[in-house]
Protein backbone atom coordinates (compact mmCIF):
# COMPACT_ATOMS: atom_id res chain seq x y z
CA MET A 1 -5.32 6.30 22.86
CA HIS A 2 -6.03 5.02 19.36
CA GLY A 3 -3.52 3.28 17.10
CA GLU A 4 -3.63 1.55 13.72
CA TYR A 5 -1.14 -0.58 11.84
CA LYS A 6 -1.61 -2.18 8.42
CA VAL A 7 0.49 -5.35 8.43
CA PRO A 8 2.49 -5.56 5.16
CA GLN A 9 0.52 -7.85 2.83
CA GLY A 10 -1.72 -8.55 5.81
CA LYS A 11 -4.62 -7.06 7.70
CA LEU A 12 -5.42 -3.90 9.65
CA VAL A 13 -4.78 -3.94 13.41
CA VAL A 14 -6.66 -1.35 15.49
CA VAL A 15 -6.17 -0.71 19.22
CA ASP A 16 -7.96 1.54 21.70
CA PHE A 17 -7.06 2.05 25.36
CA GLU A 18 -6.37 4.53 28.12
CA VAL A 19 -3.27 5.14 30.20
CA VAL A 20 -3.96 5.34 33.93
CA ASP A 21 -1.09 5.82 36.36
CA ASP A 22 1.34 4.92 33.56
CA LEU A 23 -0.44 1.59 32.94
CA ILE A 24 -2.45 0.50 29.88
CA SER A 25 -6.12 0.20 30.82
CA GLY A 26 -9.34 -0.70 29.01
CA PHE A 27 -7.43 -2.21 26.09
CA ARG A 28 -9.49 -3.36 23.09
CA LEU A 29 -8.12 -5.01 19.95
CA ALA A 30 -10.03 -4.91 16.66
CA GLY A 31 -9.36 -5.32 12.96
CA ASP A 32 -10.14 -7.26 9.80
CA PHE A 33 -7.75 -10.09 10.67
CA PHE A 34 -8.63 -13.75 11.34
CA LEU A 35 -8.20 -15.23 14.81
CA GLU A 36 -9.05 -18.64 16.22
CA PRO A 37 -10.32 -19.60 18.76
CA ASP A 38 -12.69 -16.77 19.71
CA GLU A 39 -11.38 -16.63 23.28
CA ALA A 40 -7.94 -15.64 21.97
CA LEU A 41 -9.23 -12.08 21.49
CA GLY A 42 -10.04 -11.77 25.19
CA ALA A 43 -6.71 -13.33 26.08
CA ILE A 44 -4.88 -10.68 24.06
CA ASP A 45 -6.88 -7.86 25.65
CA ALA A 46 -6.19 -9.24 29.13
CA ALA A 47 -2.47 -9.66 28.40
CA VAL A 48 -2.07 -6.02 27.42
CA ASN A 49 -4.16 -4.53 30.21
CA GLY A 50 -1.91 -3.61 33.10
CA LEU A 51 1.29 -3.40 31.06
CA SER A 52 3.47 -0.36 31.61
CA ALA A 53 2.98 2.35 29.01
CA GLU A 54 6.77 2.38 28.79
CA SER A 55 6.89 -1.26 27.62
CA ASP A 56 8.81 -1.69 24.39
CA ALA A 57 7.42 -3.63 21.44
CA THR A 58 9.34 -6.77 22.33
CA ALA A 59 7.86 -6.89 25.83
CA ILE A 60 4.34 -6.28 24.54
CA ALA A 61 4.61 -8.99 21.90
CA ARG A 62 6.02 -11.44 24.43
CA ALA A 63 3.16 -10.81 26.87
CA ILE A 64 0.60 -11.41 24.12
CA THR A 65 2.29 -14.58 22.87
CA GLU A 66 2.54 -16.07 26.35
CA ALA A 67 -1.19 -15.44 26.97
CA LEU A 68 -2.50 -17.08 23.79
CA PRO A 69 -4.48 -20.33 24.23
CA ASP A 70 -2.88 -23.48 22.86
CA GLY A 71 -3.54 -23.90 19.16
CA THR A 72 -4.21 -20.21 18.49
CA VAL A 73 -4.09 -19.27 14.80
CA MET A 74 -3.43 -15.64 13.83
CA LEU A 75 -3.92 -14.94 10.14
CA GLY A 76 -3.05 -11.56 8.64
CA PHE A 77 -1.45 -10.22 11.81
CA SER A 78 0.85 -11.14 14.67
CA ALA A 79 1.67 -10.25 18.25
CA GLU A 80 4.38 -7.96 16.88
CA GLY A 81 1.78 -6.16 14.73
CA VAL A 82 -0.38 -5.51 17.78
CA ALA A 83 2.69 -4.15 19.56
CA VAL A 84 3.40 -1.72 16.69
CA ALA A 85 -0.18 -0.43 16.82
CA ILE A 86 0.10 0.09 20.58
CA ARG A 87 3.40 1.90 20.25
CA ARG A 88 1.91 4.13 17.57
CA ALA A 89 -1.01 4.96 19.83
CA LEU A 90 1.48 5.95 22.51
CA LYS A 91 3.36 8.06 19.92
CA LYS A 92 6.44 5.91 20.45
CA ALA A 93 6.49 4.35 17.02
CA THR A 94 6.39 6.38 13.86
CA SER A 95 4.92 6.28 10.36
CA TRP A 96 6.05 7.65 7.00
CA ARG A 97 4.50 11.10 7.40
CA ASP A 98 6.07 11.69 10.80
CA TYR A 99 9.24 12.74 8.96
CA GLN A 100 10.34 15.26 6.37
CA TRP A 101 11.65 13.20 3.45
CA GLN A 102 14.03 13.93 0.61
CA ILE A 103 14.28 12.26 -2.79
CA ILE A 104 17.73 12.27 -4.39
CA HIS A 105 18.21 11.39 -8.05
CA ALA A 106 21.78 12.51 -8.60
CA LYS A 107 24.56 11.97 -11.12
CA ALA A 108 26.03 8.58 -11.94
CA VAL A 109 29.00 7.55 -9.81
CA SER A 110 31.22 4.48 -9.68
CA PRO A 111 29.90 1.25 -8.14
CA ALA A 112 32.22 1.60 -5.14
CA MET A 113 31.05 5.19 -4.67
CA HIS A 114 27.41 4.08 -4.65
CA LEU A 115 28.18 1.65 -1.85
CA ALA A 116 30.14 4.23 0.11
CA LEU A 117 27.28 6.74 -0.24
CA ASP A 118 24.91 4.13 1.13
CA GLU A 119 26.96 3.80 4.29
CA VAL A 120 27.55 7.54 4.70
CA LEU A 121 23.92 8.59 4.16
CA ALA A 122 22.59 5.88 6.49
CA ILE A 123 25.01 7.07 9.18
CA GLU A 124 23.95 10.69 8.64
CA VAL A 125 20.25 9.81 9.03
CA GLY A 126 20.95 7.76 12.14
CA ALA A 127 22.89 10.67 13.62
CA GLY A 128 20.08 13.12 12.86
CA ARG A 129 22.19 15.20 10.49
CA ARG A 130 20.14 14.24 7.41
CA GLN A 131 16.43 13.85 6.84
CA PRO A 132 15.20 10.36 5.93
CA THR A 133 15.93 9.93 2.25
CA LEU A 134 15.10 7.95 -0.87
CA ARG A 135 18.01 7.83 -3.34
CA ILE A 136 17.65 6.62 -6.92
CA TRP A 137 20.94 5.28 -8.33
CA GLU A 138 22.28 6.08 -11.79
CA TRP A 139 24.85 3.84 -13.48
CA ASP A 140 27.42 4.49 -16.22
CA GLU A 141 29.48 1.39 -15.35
CA SER A 142 28.44 -2.25 -15.04
CA ALA A 143 29.09 -4.12 -11.79
CA VAL A 144 28.49 -7.26 -9.81
CA VAL A 145 27.58 -6.31 -6.25
CA ILE A 146 27.98 -9.19 -3.82
CA GLY A 147 26.52 -9.44 -0.34
CA SER A 148 28.56 -8.72 2.76
CA PHE A 149 28.85 -12.39 3.73
CA GLN A 150 29.16 -14.05 0.33
CA SER A 151 32.25 -15.90 -0.87
CA LEU A 152 33.80 -14.00 -3.75
CA LYS A 153 35.09 -17.09 -5.55
CA ASN A 154 31.80 -18.94 -5.13
CA GLU A 155 29.66 -16.12 -6.52
CA VAL A 156 31.61 -14.51 -9.36
CA ASP A 157 33.43 -15.92 -12.36
CA PRO A 158 36.36 -13.48 -12.73
CA ASP A 159 36.93 -14.38 -16.39
CA GLY A 160 33.28 -13.76 -17.23
CA ALA A 161 33.23 -10.48 -15.31
CA ALA A 162 36.37 -9.27 -17.11
CA LYS A 163 35.11 -10.42 -20.51
CA PHE A 164 31.87 -8.44 -20.24
CA GLY A 165 33.31 -5.44 -18.40
CA TYR A 166 31.83 -5.90 -14.92
CA ASP A 167 33.52 -4.38 -11.89
CA VAL A 168 33.14 -6.52 -8.75
CA VAL A 169 32.36 -4.82 -5.42
CA ARG A 170 31.05 -5.84 -2.00
CA ARG A 171 28.27 -4.02 -0.11
CA ILE A 172 27.71 -3.75 3.65
CA SER A 173 24.32 -5.50 3.62
CA GLY A 174 23.72 -9.22 3.38
CA GLY A 175 21.84 -11.08 0.67
CA GLY A 176 22.83 -12.34 -2.74
CA ALA A 177 24.88 -11.14 -5.68
CA MET A 178 23.31 -8.69 -8.11
CA MET A 179 24.47 -8.26 -11.70
CA MET A 180 23.97 -4.60 -12.56
CA GLU A 181 24.39 -3.73 -16.21
CA LYS A 182 24.59 0.01 -16.81
CA GLY A 183 21.22 1.37 -17.88
CA SER A 184 19.51 -1.97 -17.31
CA VAL A 185 18.57 -1.93 -13.62
CA VAL A 186 16.48 0.24 -11.34
CA THR A 187 18.17 0.60 -7.95
CA TYR A 188 17.14 2.70 -4.98
CA SER A 189 18.20 3.09 -1.36
CA LEU A 190 16.15 4.16 1.64
CA TYR A 191 17.94 5.71 4.62
CA VAL A 192 15.52 5.65 7.54
CA PRO A 193 15.53 5.97 11.34
CA ALA A 194 15.00 2.74 13.25
CA ASP A 195 11.85 4.19 14.83
CA LEU A 196 10.05 3.84 11.49
CA VAL A 197 10.11 0.04 11.81
CA GLN A 198 10.16 -0.11 15.61
CA GLY A 199 8.52 -3.30 16.84
CA MET A 200 8.34 -4.98 13.44
CA THR A 201 10.02 -8.27 12.76
CA PHE A 202 12.86 -8.15 10.24
CA ALA A 203 10.61 -9.89 7.72
CA ASP A 204 7.79 -7.37 8.23
CA SER A 205 10.19 -4.44 7.95
CA TYR A 206 11.34 -5.59 4.51
CA ALA A 207 7.78 -5.78 3.21
CA PHE A 208 6.78 -2.52 4.93
CA LEU A 209 9.65 -0.51 3.44
CA ASP A 210 8.89 -1.76 -0.09
CA ALA A 211 5.07 -1.76 -0.05
CA TRP A 212 5.00 1.58 -1.93
CA VAL A 213 7.11 0.04 -4.72
CA ILE A 214 4.52 -2.68 -5.23
CA ASP A 215 1.91 0.08 -5.62
CA ALA A 216 4.10 1.93 -8.13
CA LEU A 217 4.66 -1.17 -10.26
CA ARG A 218 0.98 -2.08 -10.20
CA ALA A 219 0.19 1.44 -11.44
CA LEU A 220 2.32 0.56 -14.47
CA GLY A 221 0.39 -2.65 -15.09
CA VAL A 222 2.89 -5.03 -13.48
CA GLU A 223 1.31 -7.73 -11.29
CA ALA A 224 3.91 -7.18 -8.59
CA SER A 225 3.89 -8.69 -5.12
CA TYR A 226 6.29 -9.22 -2.25
CA GLN A 227 7.69 -12.69 -1.61
CA PRO A 228 9.34 -13.09 1.80
CA LEU A 229 12.01 -12.59 2.79
CA ASN A 230 13.26 -10.06 0.28
CA ASP A 231 12.00 -10.60 -3.28
CA ILE A 232 9.80 -8.38 -5.43
CA THR A 233 8.17 -10.73 -7.87
CA SER A 234 5.32 -11.34 -10.31
CA PRO A 235 3.51 -14.40 -11.68
CA THR A 236 6.07 -14.60 -14.50
CA GLY A 237 9.24 -14.34 -12.40
CA LYS A 238 11.39 -12.42 -9.96
CA ILE A 239 11.75 -8.68 -10.58
CA GLY A 240 14.25 -7.73 -7.91
CA GLY A 241 15.58 -8.21 -4.42
CA ALA A 242 16.05 -6.16 -1.25
CA ALA A 243 18.82 -6.05 1.33
CA GLN A 244 19.09 -4.25 4.64
CA LYS A 245 21.73 -3.12 7.12
CA ARG A 246 20.98 -1.75 10.58
CA LEU A 247 23.63 0.56 11.98
CA GLY A 248 24.56 1.03 15.60
CA ASN A 249 23.55 4.70 15.67
CA GLY A 250 19.90 4.04 14.77
CA GLY A 251 20.12 4.42 11.01
CA ILE A 252 18.85 1.76 8.63
CA LEU A 253 19.96 1.20 5.06
CA HIS A 254 17.40 -0.59 2.90
CA HIS A 255 18.20 -0.95 -0.79
CA VAL A 256 16.63 -2.72 -3.75
CA THR A 257 17.74 -3.61 -7.26
CA MET A 258 15.12 -4.45 -9.89
CA SER A 259 16.00 -5.77 -13.33
CA TYR A 260 14.79 -3.49 -16.11
CA ASP A 261 16.48 -5.44 -18.91
CA MET A 262 18.94 -8.30 -18.84
CA ASP A 263 20.85 -10.79 -20.92
CA GLY A 264 20.33 -14.10 -19.17
CA GLU A 265 23.19 -15.75 -21.02
CA ILE A 266 25.68 -13.13 -19.85
CA MET A 267 24.36 -13.47 -16.28
CA THR A 268 25.15 -17.18 -16.25
CA GLN A 269 28.70 -16.46 -17.41
CA VAL A 270 29.36 -13.68 -14.89
CA LEU A 271 27.65 -15.19 -11.84
CA ARG A 272 28.28 -18.67 -10.51
CA ILE A 273 24.68 -19.48 -9.71
CA GLY A 274 24.54 -23.00 -8.32
CA ARG A 275 21.71 -25.47 -8.58
CA GLU A 276 21.26 -25.48 -4.80
CA LYS A 277 20.27 -21.81 -4.82
CA ILE A 278 17.42 -22.37 -7.26
CA SER A 279 16.47 -25.86 -6.09
CA ASP A 280 13.33 -24.61 -4.31
CA LYS A 281 12.22 -22.40 -7.22
CA GLY A 282 10.89 -25.16 -9.46
CA ILE A 283 13.02 -24.04 -12.41
CA ALA A 284 16.01 -25.38 -14.26
CA SER A 285 17.77 -22.13 -15.11
CA ALA A 286 18.66 -19.08 -13.03
CA ALA A 287 18.27 -16.95 -16.15
CA LYS A 288 14.60 -17.94 -16.34
CA ARG A 289 14.04 -16.94 -12.72
CA VAL A 290 14.27 -13.20 -13.48
CA ASP A 291 11.64 -11.46 -15.63
CA PRO A 292 12.68 -7.85 -16.36
CA LEU A 293 10.46 -4.81 -16.02
CA LYS A 294 11.01 -3.77 -19.62
CA ARG A 295 8.96 -6.72 -20.82
CA GLN A 296 6.36 -6.57 -18.05
CA ALA A 297 5.74 -2.81 -17.99
CA GLY A 298 6.49 -2.04 -21.63
CA VAL A 299 7.83 1.43 -20.82
CA GLU A 300 11.23 3.12 -20.69
CA ARG A 301 13.33 2.87 -17.55
CA ALA A 302 12.88 6.61 -16.95
CA VAL A 303 9.10 6.16 -16.83
CA ILE A 304 9.45 3.51 -14.13
CA ILE A 305 11.68 5.79 -12.06
CA GLU A 306 9.22 8.66 -12.54
CA GLN A 307 6.39 6.46 -11.22
CA LEU A 308 8.50 5.39 -8.22
CA GLU A 309 9.17 9.02 -7.34
CA LYS A 310 5.50 9.93 -7.82
CA THR A 311 4.26 7.09 -5.61
CA PHE A 312 6.83 7.78 -2.88
CA THR A 313 5.99 11.50 -2.88
CA ALA A 314 2.28 10.71 -2.49
CA LEU A 315 3.11 8.50 0.51
CA THR A 316 5.58 10.80 2.27
CA ASP A 317 5.20 14.29 0.77
CA ALA A 318 8.94 14.13 0.03
CA ALA A 319 10.81 17.08 -1.46
CA PRO A 320 13.69 16.99 -3.96
CA GLY A 321 17.12 16.93 -2.32
CA ASP A 322 20.77 16.36 -3.09
CA ILE A 323 23.95 14.91 -1.65
CA THR A 324 26.06 17.51 0.12
CA ASP A 325 29.70 18.24 -0.67
CA ASP A 326 30.64 16.92 2.78
CA GLU A 327 28.75 13.66 2.18
CA TYR A 328 30.51 13.19 -1.16
CA ALA A 329 33.84 13.82 0.55
CA GLN A 330 33.08 11.29 3.28
CA ALA A 331 32.09 8.74 0.64
CA GLU A 332 35.24 9.32 -1.41
CA ALA A 333 37.37 8.73 1.69
CA LEU A 334 35.41 5.55 2.41
CA VAL A 335 36.00 4.29 -1.14
CA GLU A 336 39.74 4.68 -0.63
CA SER A 337 39.84 3.14 2.83
CA LYS A 338 37.28 0.37 2.35
CA PHE A 339 35.18 -0.27 -0.74
CA ALA A 340 37.98 -0.13 -3.33
CA THR A 341 40.38 -2.23 -1.26
CA SER A 342 41.27 -5.86 -1.85
CA GLU A 343 40.89 -6.51 1.88
CA TRP A 344 37.20 -5.56 1.82
CA LEU A 345 36.42 -7.34 -1.44
CA ASN A 346 38.11 -10.52 -0.21
CA ARG A 347 36.82 -10.41 3.38
CA VAL A 348 35.10 -13.71 2.52
CA PRO A 349 37.41 -15.17 -0.16
C-alpha cells in the first residue's frame, strides 16, 4: 500500500505498508516535513504497525499522538495528516479526481435564493443524487449575508443597509458578515462529500478546499495565501473569507466570498464592525483591512472567474453543469419556509 497527502500550506506525507490479516504491517513514514527528535519517526512507525486496517482517521491520529516522545515537534505535517495518507493508501479516503465534478455558472438569483440553493445542492451531493459541484454565484442585488450564529442587531446597521439598498439575509454556515455589492464580489460554493476531507482537521479542510483558489489568484499576479482559519489574504490586505457547514447526510457546503471592488466608507455604514473584531489585526479601520482583487489583479471580474474555472477544471477535470428544475423548486420552497422569514433572520436577534 502506498499513500501520499500534501498538507495544505505544509509538506508532503508519504506512507508505505502492507496489510496482513487485516492489520497494518511494515509501516514506513517518509516526506519532506521536519520532525524532532529523530526517534519520533520510529515511534510513529511503531504506533501504526499492528493497527487494524479498518481504523478510522481519528483512531490512527490518536495512536500516533500517544506514542510521540515528550517534546516532539512536527513542522509541516501532523498526526492527522499521516492518518489521511494511510486512509488514502487503503482507498478509504478520497482525492479530487476520485469524483466526477460539475461547474455551474448560472443566472443571477436573489440573495435568499442563493442561500437556499447552497443548502439544497449540499443535501443533494450528500445524498448521492448530484455529483460534487463548484457553483459560481452571480448577483443583480446587493446584500449583507450574516453568519448563522451572529447577532443581527450587532452586525448590521438597518438604516445604513436601507440607505444603500442592501437586503439582509442569514446563511446556514458560521463565520462573519459579508457585504456583497452586486457586481463587486466573487463568490463560489463547493458541494462535496465528506470523504474528500476525511481525517483532516476542520482547519486543514478549509485550506485544502481553497488551495486551488490560491493557485488561480497567483496565476493572475496576486500574492495570495491562506491565513487560518478561513481568510484568503495577501501582503496588502484580506481578499476574502470562507465558511463551511457539514450536513448530517455526509454533504459539505464550503463557500467563499472575495472582494473584487468595494467602497470602504459604505461598508462602515452598513456593517457594525467593532474595534474588538479588528483588535488583533494591527489596523485602525476595518475598511483598510480588505484589499479588493480589482486593484491587485488589475483585470475585470469576468477574467478572475474565468481563471477560477480554468484552475478548478485542471485540478478536477470538471464538466459544465446546471441546476435542475427540481433543485430550483426545492430552493424556492426553502426560501418561503426559511430564508425569507423573519424567524430565520432573527434567530439570533
